[in-house]
Amino acid sequence: GMCSWPIGEPGTDDFHFCGGSAIAGKPYCAEHCAKAYVKASKERSADKQSAA
């Protein structure tokens, strides 16, 4: 499939999706998966520590 990472501001003429080769089972290419999933897991770990 194609990467569906949004680029630009929705509603503007230059808004588009990455369109790169998506990783099997994921909506994004390798580069955008790294941004989407690695950052999120670090934030979740920090939230658990501060809540404890």
Protein backbone atom coordinates (compact mmCIF):
# COMPACT_ATOMS: atom_id res chain seq x y z
CA GLY A 1 0.00 0.00 0.00
CA MET A 2 0.85 3.65 0.02
CA CYS A 3 1.89 5.73 3.03
CA SER A 4 -0.98 7.89 4.26
CA TRP A 5 1.12 10.30 6.36
CA PRO A 6 -0.43 13.77 5.88
CA ILE A 7 1.88 16.52 4.62
CA GLY A 8 0.90 20.18 4.82
CA GLU A 9 -2.28 21.73 6.17
CA PRO A 10 -5.61 20.07 5.32
CA GLY A 11 -7.72 22.30 3.10
CA THR A 12 -4.73 23.99 1.44
CA ASP A 13 -3.60 23.43 -2.14
CA ASP A 14 -0.30 21.83 -1.12
CA PHE A 15 -1.86 19.28 1.28
CA HIS A 16 -1.10 15.70 0.26
CA PHE A 17 -0.12 12.31 1.63
CA CYS A 18 3.41 10.88 1.58
CA GLY A 19 2.54 8.16 -0.94
CA GLY A 20 5.69 6.16 -0.20
CA SER A 21 5.70 2.38 0.17
CA ALA A 22 3.84 1.49 3.37
CA ILE A 23 5.09 -1.28 5.65
CA ALA A 24 2.85 -4.37 5.52
CA GLY A 25 0.08 -4.02 8.10
CA LYS A 26 0.88 -0.35 8.79
CA PRO A 27 -0.55 2.84 7.25
CA TYR A 28 2.88 4.49 6.86
CA CYS A 29 6.28 4.04 5.23
CA ALA A 30 9.29 3.13 7.41
CA GLU A 31 10.28 6.78 8.00
CA HIS A 32 6.81 7.84 9.09
CA CYS A 33 6.25 4.68 11.17
CA ALA A 34 9.37 5.63 13.12
CA LYS A 35 7.92 9.09 13.82
CA ALA A 36 4.41 7.82 14.61
CA TYR A 37 5.15 4.79 16.77
CA VAL A 38 8.53 5.36 18.48
CA LYS A 39 7.57 8.79 19.81
CA ALA A 40 4.16 7.59 21.00
CA SER A 41 5.60 4.65 22.95
CA LYS A 42 8.13 6.92 24.72
CA GLU A 43 5.33 9.32 25.71
CA ARG A 44 3.23 6.44 27.06
CA SER A 45 6.12 5.24 29.23
CA ALA A 46 6.63 8.74 30.64
CA ASP A 47 2.90 9.05 31.38
CA LYS A 48 2.92 5.79 33.35
CA GLN A 49 5.92 6.89 35.44
CA SER A 50 4.48 10.31 36.29
CA ALA A 51 1.07 8.84 37.18
CA ALA A 52 2.57 6.31 39.61
